[in-house]
């Protein structure tokens, strides 16, 4: 067990609607580190290598900036196990590491691209049966010469309703496959990544060390973070909460505070693109009724004294408050398994859900023919120029 884990944790009461996040605040631990340009790729800061200034560093609770020499000091008070950076434009490298008293983030310089493309995929639901579809997706993505790939949750078949060995096997499979992509893969947490929460089915104790989102962080790092590319600030938002036996769409107070601090370090004219699993806005869910399901549970859960739809982020207005008047061209999500775009008249934001990678290749829903696949976006000078849905065509 590392030193920060041995610290005596002090409990903090959270509002009821977010009580199952089980966030604890620890005695402050001073973390020192440096973010630097690793010119020779040896992961060690050599004498002639320069630190990178004004890089945002966080433990998911506290946020700070590197100084002119690329150094930072962060007084970490969170139980979260990682320190991460908001990867700056023009650099590549690992953006998070397990928390230690002294840390370094070696980054490699890359040419700043104002014109680029990226892929938005979702709902891979990786297991042995769906792995060939994931391999097909990786091969297609690698052939398109994109800057990076975003996968917005439901990465694995399921962790909600299964034991640790089964869920861990799915996570291992996903991690192994994404490591083979030629380009960086940025992921977000979906409801199926939350371990053991449906305890009547998983038979997992709430005291399990990987319970809830701890399993996601164990395998894939922070469940919310940001990065910068081509003049755009990308934010991975964790839009999944849970209470008792059920997940729901919501962003907790801790993350909202982090989001506000993160955005304070971003120029107000820089476009922001968010990506999360459960959508902020979705026309598709208007087709669903509000009846309780004998296996999947209720469609509605009470949040803040009101009944809310589980499959939409009920407090998106709180996210909007943090975004303010910033350019916000695109809000990416998944969850519904059907590609669709929603817009509000007078808003410049497109709320874009993509389809699932998981099969089948096509199915009919409420008179609409739905295809499995992903979306390719092209960007120039901070603006989305085109979006193209690409069917997987596996079967």
Protein backbone atom coordinates (compact mmCIF):
# COMPACT_ATOMS: atom_id res chain seq x y z
CA UNK A 1 0.00 0.00 0.00
CA UNK A 2 1.42 3.41 -0.96
CA UNK A 3 1.93 6.17 1.60
CA UNK A 4 -1.00 8.28 0.52
CA UNK A 5 -3.35 5.32 0.99
CA UNK A 6 -2.19 4.87 4.58
CA UNK A 7 -3.31 8.33 5.59
CA UNK A 8 -6.26 8.45 7.96
CA UNK A 9 -9.30 9.46 5.93
CA UNK A 10 -11.87 11.88 7.30
CA UNK A 11 -15.45 11.36 6.24
CA UNK A 12 -17.33 14.12 4.46
CA UNK A 13 -21.10 14.10 4.23
CA UNK A 14 -22.34 14.50 0.69
CA UNK A 15 -25.78 15.45 -0.47
CA UNK A 16 -28.08 12.43 -0.66
CA UNK A 17 -28.36 12.31 -4.43
CA UNK A 18 -24.61 11.75 -4.73
CA UNK A 19 -24.02 9.70 -1.58
CA UNK A 20 -23.01 6.57 -3.45
CA UNK A 21 -19.94 8.27 -4.91
CA UNK A 22 -18.39 7.62 -1.47
CA UNK A 23 -15.79 10.32 -1.93
CA UNK A 24 -13.56 10.77 1.12
CA UNK A 25 -11.22 13.66 1.77
CA UNK A 26 -7.83 12.85 3.22
CA UNK A 27 -5.32 14.84 5.17
CA UNK A 28 -3.44 17.04 2.71
CA UNK A 29 -0.40 15.43 1.05
CA UNK A 30 2.11 17.58 -0.83
CA UNK A 31 2.79 16.32 -4.34
CA UNK A 32 5.74 17.80 -6.22
CA UNK A 33 6.47 17.23 -9.87
CA UNK A 34 7.43 18.47 -13.29
CA UNK A 35 5.98 18.41 -16.80
CA UNK A 36 8.74 18.51 -19.39
CA UNK A 37 9.53 17.97 -23.06
CA UNK A 38 11.20 14.57 -23.25
CA UNK A 39 13.24 15.20 -26.40
CA UNK A 40 15.09 11.88 -26.41
CA UNK A 41 12.17 9.75 -25.20
CA UNK A 42 13.93 8.22 -22.19
CA UNK A 43 11.26 9.41 -19.69
CA UNK A 44 13.98 11.16 -17.64
CA UNK A 45 14.47 14.92 -17.52
CA UNK A 46 17.97 15.48 -18.82
CA UNK A 47 19.86 18.71 -18.30
CA UNK A 48 19.06 20.22 -21.67
CA UNK A 49 15.34 19.37 -21.63
CA UNK A 50 12.89 22.16 -20.83
CA UNK A 51 9.91 22.17 -18.52
CA UNK A 52 6.52 23.08 -19.99
CA UNK A 53 4.85 26.07 -18.29
CA UNK A 54 1.17 26.66 -17.50
CA UNK A 55 0.06 23.03 -17.73
CA UNK A 56 -3.01 22.21 -15.63
CA UNK A 57 -2.37 19.50 -13.01
CA UNK A 58 -5.09 17.90 -10.87
CA UNK A 59 -5.99 15.06 -8.51
CA UNK A 60 -9.68 15.31 -9.57
CA UNK A 61 -10.30 17.57 -6.58
CA UNK A 62 -7.53 20.20 -6.44
CA UNK A 63 -6.14 21.93 -9.53
CA UNK A 64 -2.89 23.83 -10.02
CA UNK A 65 -0.59 25.08 -12.79
CA UNK A 66 3.05 24.38 -13.62
CA UNK A 67 5.37 27.35 -13.26
CA UNK A 68 7.73 28.78 -15.89
CA UNK A 69 10.07 25.82 -15.32
CA UNK A 70 7.31 23.24 -15.67
CA UNK A 71 7.31 22.45 -11.95
CA UNK A 72 4.24 22.13 -9.76
CA UNK A 73 3.27 21.65 -6.15
CA UNK A 74 -0.18 20.25 -5.44
CA UNK A 75 -1.64 19.79 -1.97
CA UNK A 76 -3.74 16.71 -2.61
CA UNK A 77 -6.68 16.07 -0.32
CA UNK A 78 -8.53 13.46 -2.34
CA UNK A 79 -8.84 9.70 -2.10
CA UNK A 80 -8.63 9.51 -5.89
CA UNK A 81 -5.51 7.51 -6.79
CA UNK A 82 -4.16 9.50 -9.74
CA UNK A 83 -2.52 12.79 -10.61
CA UNK A 84 -3.22 13.91 -14.17
CA UNK A 85 -2.51 16.79 -16.50
CA UNK A 86 -4.69 18.51 -19.06
CA UNK A 87 -2.49 17.52 -21.95
CA UNK A 88 -1.42 20.71 -23.76
CA UNK A 89 -1.76 21.24 -27.50
CA UNK A 90 1.36 20.28 -29.40
CA UNK A 91 2.35 17.43 -27.08
CA UNK A 92 1.64 13.72 -26.69
CA UNK A 93 2.32 11.31 -23.86
CA UNK A 94 0.77 9.66 -20.83
CA UNK A 95 -1.53 12.13 -19.09
CA UNK A 96 -2.04 10.34 -15.75
CA UNK A 97 -0.01 8.34 -13.24
CA UNK A 98 -0.62 6.79 -9.84
CA UNK A 99 -0.12 9.36 -7.10
CA UNK A 100 3.33 9.53 -5.47
CA UNK A 101 5.13 12.25 -3.50
CA UNK A 102 7.34 13.13 -6.49
CA UNK A 103 6.11 12.84 -10.05
CA UNK A 104 7.13 13.63 -13.61
CA UNK A 105 5.19 13.87 -16.85
CA UNK A 106 7.49 13.37 -19.85
CA UNK A 107 5.80 14.59 -23.04
CA UNK A 108 6.88 14.45 -26.66
CA UNK A 109 6.52 17.47 -28.89
CA UNK A 110 4.22 17.05 -31.89
CA UNK A 111 3.28 19.41 -34.67
CA UNK A 112 0.32 21.59 -33.78
CA UNK A 113 -2.54 20.68 -36.11
CA UNK A 114 -5.26 23.23 -36.83
CA UNK A 115 -6.79 20.87 -39.39
CA UNK A 116 -7.39 17.33 -38.21
CA UNK A 117 -9.94 14.56 -37.84
CA UNK A 118 -11.03 12.37 -34.96
CA UNK A 119 -13.43 9.48 -34.34
CA UNK A 120 -16.28 9.32 -31.88
CA UNK A 121 -17.31 5.75 -31.02
CA UNK A 122 -19.31 4.31 -28.15
CA UNK A 123 -20.76 1.20 -26.58
CA UNK A 124 -18.11 -1.31 -27.58
CA UNK A 125 -19.33 -3.70 -24.82
CA UNK A 126 -16.19 -5.78 -25.18
CA UNK A 127 -16.31 -9.48 -24.34
CA UNK A 128 -15.20 -12.62 -26.19
CA UNK A 129 -18.23 -12.53 -28.48
CA UNK A 130 -17.90 -8.86 -29.44
CA UNK A 131 -14.10 -8.78 -29.66
CA UNK A 132 -14.05 -9.39 -33.45
CA UNK A 133 -16.22 -6.28 -33.87
CA UNK A 134 -13.77 -4.28 -31.75
CA UNK A 135 -10.91 -5.54 -33.89
CA UNK A 136 -12.83 -4.53 -37.02
CA UNK A 137 -13.36 -1.05 -35.54
CA UNK A 138 -9.67 -0.70 -34.68
CA UNK A 139 -8.64 -1.67 -38.20
CA UNK A 140 -11.06 0.85 -39.69
CA UNK A 141 -9.91 3.60 -37.32
CA UNK A 142 -6.24 2.94 -38.08
CA UNK A 143 -6.94 3.22 -41.80
CA UNK A 144 -8.49 6.68 -41.50
CA UNK A 145 -5.37 8.53 -40.28
CA UNK A 146 -7.17 10.33 -37.45
CA UNK A 147 -5.50 12.33 -34.68
CA UNK A 148 -7.23 10.34 -31.93
CA UNK A 149 -10.24 8.21 -31.04
CA UNK A 150 -12.86 8.98 -28.37
CA UNK A 151 -14.99 6.14 -26.95
CA UNK A 152 -17.83 7.38 -24.78
CA UNK A 153 -18.43 4.56 -22.35
CA UNK A 154 -20.01 1.15 -22.07
CA UNK A 155 -16.57 -0.03 -23.01
CA UNK A 156 -17.05 -3.53 -21.60
CA UNK A 157 -19.93 -5.97 -21.62
CA UNK A 158 -20.81 -5.37 -17.99
CA UNK A 159 -19.47 -4.74 -14.49
CA UNK A 160 -22.76 -3.75 -12.88
CA UNK A 161 -24.16 -7.23 -12.38
CA UNK A 162 -21.16 -9.59 -12.26
CA UNK A 163 -18.37 -10.62 -9.91
CA UNK A 164 -14.83 -9.23 -9.85
CA UNK A 165 -13.26 -12.00 -11.93
CA UNK A 166 -15.78 -11.58 -14.74
CA UNK A 167 -15.68 -7.78 -14.77
CA UNK A 168 -11.88 -7.75 -14.51
CA UNK A 169 -11.64 -10.11 -17.47
CA UNK A 170 -13.70 -7.73 -19.60
CA UNK A 171 -11.57 -4.76 -18.53
CA UNK A 172 -8.35 -6.67 -19.33
CA UNK A 173 -9.70 -7.48 -22.78
CA UNK A 174 -10.61 -3.84 -23.46
CA UNK A 175 -7.27 -2.47 -22.22
CA UNK A 176 -5.37 -5.03 -24.30
CA UNK A 177 -7.28 -4.16 -27.47
CA UNK A 178 -7.13 -0.35 -27.16
CA UNK A 179 -3.36 -0.55 -26.65
CA UNK A 180 -3.11 -1.77 -30.26
CA UNK A 181 -4.57 1.39 -31.83
CA UNK A 182 -2.08 3.49 -33.79
CA UNK A 183 -3.46 6.71 -32.34
CA UNK A 184 -4.35 7.81 -28.79
CA UNK A 185 -7.67 6.52 -27.44
CA UNK A 186 -9.53 8.67 -24.92
CA UNK A 187 -12.31 6.94 -23.02
CA UNK A 188 -15.14 7.90 -20.71
CA UNK A 189 -16.99 5.91 -18.08
CA UNK A 190 -20.35 4.36 -18.91
CA UNK A 191 -22.93 2.72 -16.69
CA UNK A 192 -21.62 -0.76 -17.56
CA UNK A 193 -18.16 0.11 -16.16
CA UNK A 194 -19.50 0.68 -12.62
CA UNK A 195 -18.61 -2.43 -10.67
CA UNK A 196 -21.06 -4.41 -8.59
CA UNK A 197 -23.68 -1.71 -8.02
CA UNK A 198 -26.65 -3.92 -8.89
CA UNK A 199 -25.85 -5.95 -5.79
CA UNK A 200 -28.95 -8.13 -6.04
CA UNK A 201 -27.37 -9.59 -9.20
CA UNK A 202 -23.61 -9.13 -8.68
CA UNK A 203 -23.64 -10.20 -5.00
CA UNK A 204 -20.74 -7.76 -4.52
CA UNK A 205 -20.33 -5.96 -1.19
CA UNK A 206 -20.26 -2.17 -1.08
CA UNK A 207 -17.05 -2.60 0.93
CA UNK A 208 -15.25 -4.29 -1.98
CA UNK A 209 -12.07 -2.27 -2.74
CA UNK A 210 -13.03 -1.92 -6.42
CA UNK A 211 -16.73 -1.22 -5.85
CA UNK A 212 -18.41 1.37 -8.04
CA UNK A 213 -16.07 3.55 -10.09
CA UNK A 214 -12.94 2.38 -8.31
CA UNK A 215 -12.66 -0.46 -10.82
CA UNK A 216 -12.73 1.99 -13.74
CA UNK A 217 -10.00 4.08 -12.13
CA UNK A 218 -7.97 0.94 -11.39
CA UNK A 219 -7.89 -0.09 -15.05
CA UNK A 220 -8.33 3.14 -17.01
CA UNK A 221 -7.38 6.09 -14.83
CA UNK A 222 -9.39 9.21 -13.94
CA UNK A 223 -13.11 9.05 -14.65
CA UNK A 224 -13.08 12.71 -15.70
CA UNK A 225 -10.27 14.78 -17.21
CA UNK A 226 -9.48 17.13 -20.10
CA UNK A 227 -7.00 17.56 -22.92
CA UNK A 228 -6.22 20.10 -25.62
CA UNK A 229 -5.79 19.54 -29.32
CA UNK A 230 -5.79 21.79 -32.36
CA UNK A 231 -7.09 24.83 -30.50
CA UNK A 232 -9.99 22.94 -28.87
CA UNK A 233 -10.42 22.01 -25.21
CA UNK A 234 -11.85 18.48 -24.91
CA UNK A 235 -13.47 17.46 -21.61
CA UNK A 236 -14.31 13.91 -20.58
CA UNK A 237 -17.29 14.25 -18.25
CA UNK A 238 -18.46 11.44 -16.00
CA UNK A 239 -22.22 11.70 -16.44
CA UNK A 240 -23.11 8.54 -14.52
CA UNK A 241 -24.19 8.52 -10.90
CA UNK A 242 -25.61 5.70 -8.81
CA UNK A 243 -27.76 5.30 -5.74
CA UNK A 244 -28.69 2.07 -4.03
CA UNK A 245 -29.01 -0.51 -6.86
CA UNK A 246 -29.37 1.79 -9.86
CA UNK A 247 -27.32 4.11 -12.02
CA UNK A 248 -28.65 7.39 -13.38
CA UNK A 249 -27.49 10.36 -15.45
CA UNK A 250 -25.90 13.08 -13.32
CA UNK A 251 -22.71 15.03 -12.60
CA UNK A 252 -21.75 15.25 -8.93
CA UNK A 253 -20.69 18.35 -7.01
CA UNK A 254 -17.04 17.32 -6.77
CA UNK A 255 -16.75 17.02 -10.53
CA UNK A 256 -18.61 20.28 -11.10
CA UNK A 257 -16.08 22.05 -8.86
CA UNK A 258 -13.23 20.45 -10.81
CA UNK A 259 -14.85 21.46 -14.10
CA UNK A 260 -15.08 25.07 -13.00
CA UNK A 261 -11.43 25.10 -11.94
CA UNK A 262 -10.35 23.40 -15.18
CA UNK A 263 -12.18 25.93 -17.34
CA UNK A 264 -10.71 28.86 -15.42
CA UNK A 265 -7.38 27.98 -17.04
CA UNK A 266 -8.84 27.96 -20.58
CA UNK A 267 -9.19 31.10 -22.68
CA UNK A 268 -12.85 32.12 -22.84
CA UNK A 269 -12.77 32.09 -26.66
CA UNK A 270 -11.38 28.54 -26.94
CA UNK A 271 -14.02 26.11 -28.24
CA UNK A 272 -15.01 23.32 -25.85
CA UNK A 273 -16.12 19.81 -26.83
CA UNK A 274 -17.49 17.54 -24.10
CA UNK A 275 -17.82 13.78 -24.24
CA UNK A 276 -19.71 11.53 -21.85
CA UNK A 277 -21.79 8.35 -21.97
CA UNK A 278 -25.30 9.23 -20.81
CA UNK A 279 -26.46 12.13 -22.99
CA UNK A 280 -27.30 15.68 -22.00
CA UNK A 281 -30.00 15.86 -24.69
CA UNK A 282 -31.50 12.96 -26.68
CA UNK A 283 -34.47 12.77 -29.00
CA UNK A 284 -34.24 8.96 -29.09
CA UNK A 285 -35.25 8.52 -25.48
CA UNK A 286 -38.57 10.19 -26.25
CA UNK A 287 -39.60 6.81 -27.69
CA UNK A 288 -39.27 5.09 -24.32
CA UNK A 289 -41.99 4.82 -21.73
CA UNK A 290 -41.56 5.35 -18.01
CA UNK A 291 -42.62 1.93 -16.78
CA UNK A 292 -40.46 -0.02 -14.34
CA UNK A 293 -38.62 -2.96 -15.89
CA UNK A 294 -38.53 -6.23 -13.88
CA UNK A 295 -34.79 -6.73 -14.58
CA UNK A 296 -33.33 -3.28 -15.41
CA UNK A 297 -35.31 -1.36 -12.80
CA UNK A 298 -37.11 2.00 -12.88
CA UNK A 299 -36.88 4.54 -15.69
CA UNK A 300 -37.32 7.38 -13.22
CA UNK A 301 -35.39 8.10 -10.01
CA UNK A 302 -35.82 10.93 -7.55
CA UNK A 303 -33.05 13.54 -7.66
CA UNK A 304 -33.24 16.70 -5.59
CA UNK A 305 -36.85 16.04 -4.70
CA UNK A 306 -38.01 15.57 -8.29
CA UNK A 307 -38.47 12.50 -10.48
CA UNK A 308 -35.87 12.47 -13.25
CA UNK A 309 -35.22 10.26 -16.31
CA UNK A 310 -32.35 7.89 -15.49
CA UNK A 311 -31.03 7.93 -19.04
CA UNK A 312 -30.41 11.67 -19.35
CA UNK A 313 -28.03 13.82 -17.31
CA UNK A 314 -30.62 15.42 -15.05
CA UNK A 315 -28.45 18.39 -13.97
CA UNK A 316 -26.97 19.40 -17.33
CA UNK A 317 -27.95 22.96 -16.41
CA UNK A 318 -25.17 22.89 -13.80
CA UNK A 319 -22.66 21.92 -16.49
CA UNK A 320 -23.97 24.76 -18.66
CA UNK A 321 -23.41 27.24 -15.84
CA UNK A 322 -19.73 26.28 -15.74
CA UNK A 323 -19.38 26.51 -19.51
CA UNK A 324 -20.98 29.96 -19.56
CA UNK A 325 -20.75 31.77 -22.88
CA UNK A 326 -17.77 29.80 -24.19
CA UNK A 327 -17.97 28.44 -27.75
CA UNK A 328 -19.47 24.96 -27.34
CA UNK A 329 -19.91 23.41 -30.78
CA UNK A 330 -20.28 19.75 -29.84
CA UNK A 331 -21.52 17.57 -26.99
CA UNK A 332 -20.72 13.91 -27.69
CA UNK A 333 -22.40 10.92 -26.03
CA UNK A 334 -23.55 7.34 -26.56
CA UNK A 335 -25.79 5.03 -24.50
CA UNK A 336 -28.73 4.81 -26.93
CA UNK A 337 -26.97 2.65 -29.59
CA UNK A 338 -28.39 4.82 -32.40
CA UNK A 339 -26.64 7.74 -34.10
CA UNK A 340 -28.66 10.94 -33.78
CA UNK A 341 -28.16 14.69 -33.48
CA UNK A 342 -30.22 17.13 -31.45
CA UNK A 343 -30.11 20.92 -31.52
CA UNK A 344 -31.91 23.70 -29.71
CA UNK A 345 -32.94 26.71 -31.79
CA UNK A 346 -30.74 29.63 -30.82
CA UNK A 347 -27.92 27.40 -29.60
CA UNK A 348 -24.75 26.63 -31.53
CA UNK A 349 -24.27 23.26 -29.79
CA UNK A 350 -24.92 19.97 -31.55
CA UNK A 351 -25.77 17.17 -29.11
CA UNK A 352 -24.45 14.17 -31.01
CA UNK A 353 -24.95 10.56 -30.01
CA UNK A 354 -23.19 7.94 -32.06
CA UNK A 355 -24.21 4.31 -32.55
CA UNK A 356 -22.78 1.25 -30.83
CA UNK A 357 -19.85 -0.80 -32.04
CA UNK A 358 -21.58 -3.77 -30.44
CA UNK A 359 -23.87 -5.76 -32.73
CA UNK A 360 -26.12 -6.34 -34.45
CA UNK A 361 -25.06 -4.43 -37.56
CA UNK A 362 -28.60 -3.17 -38.08
CA UNK A 363 -31.98 -3.32 -36.42
CA UNK A 364 -35.33 -1.57 -36.66
CA UNK A 365 -36.56 0.62 -33.81
CA UNK A 366 -39.81 2.57 -33.89
CA UNK A 367 -39.78 2.50 -37.66
CA UNK A 368 -36.16 3.66 -37.96
CA UNK A 369 -33.38 1.52 -39.38
CA UNK A 370 -30.44 1.73 -36.97
CA UNK A 371 -26.87 0.87 -37.99
CA UNK A 372 -23.88 -0.04 -35.84
CA UNK A 373 -20.86 2.16 -36.47
CA UNK A 374 -19.05 5.35 -35.46
CA UNK A 375 -18.76 9.01 -36.44
CA UNK A 376 -15.81 10.71 -38.14
CA UNK A 377 -15.37 14.45 -37.48
CA UNK A 378 -13.18 16.82 -39.44
CA UNK A 379 -11.99 20.03 -37.81
CA UNK A 380 -10.35 23.17 -39.18
CA UNK A 381 -9.32 26.22 -37.15
CA UNK A 382 -11.38 25.17 -34.14
CA UNK A 383 -14.59 24.54 -36.09
CA UNK A 384 -16.28 21.26 -37.00
CA UNK A 385 -16.37 21.21 -40.80
CA UNK A 386 -17.91 17.79 -41.47
CA UNK A 387 -19.29 14.79 -39.62
CA UNK A 388 -19.75 11.43 -41.31
CA UNK A 389 -21.38 8.33 -39.87
CA UNK A 390 -19.46 5.21 -40.91
CA UNK A 391 -21.25 1.83 -40.61
CA UNK A 392 -19.18 -0.99 -39.19
CA UNK A 393 -20.48 -3.43 -41.84
CA UNK A 394 -19.14 -6.39 -39.91
CA UNK A 395 -21.80 -8.99 -40.69
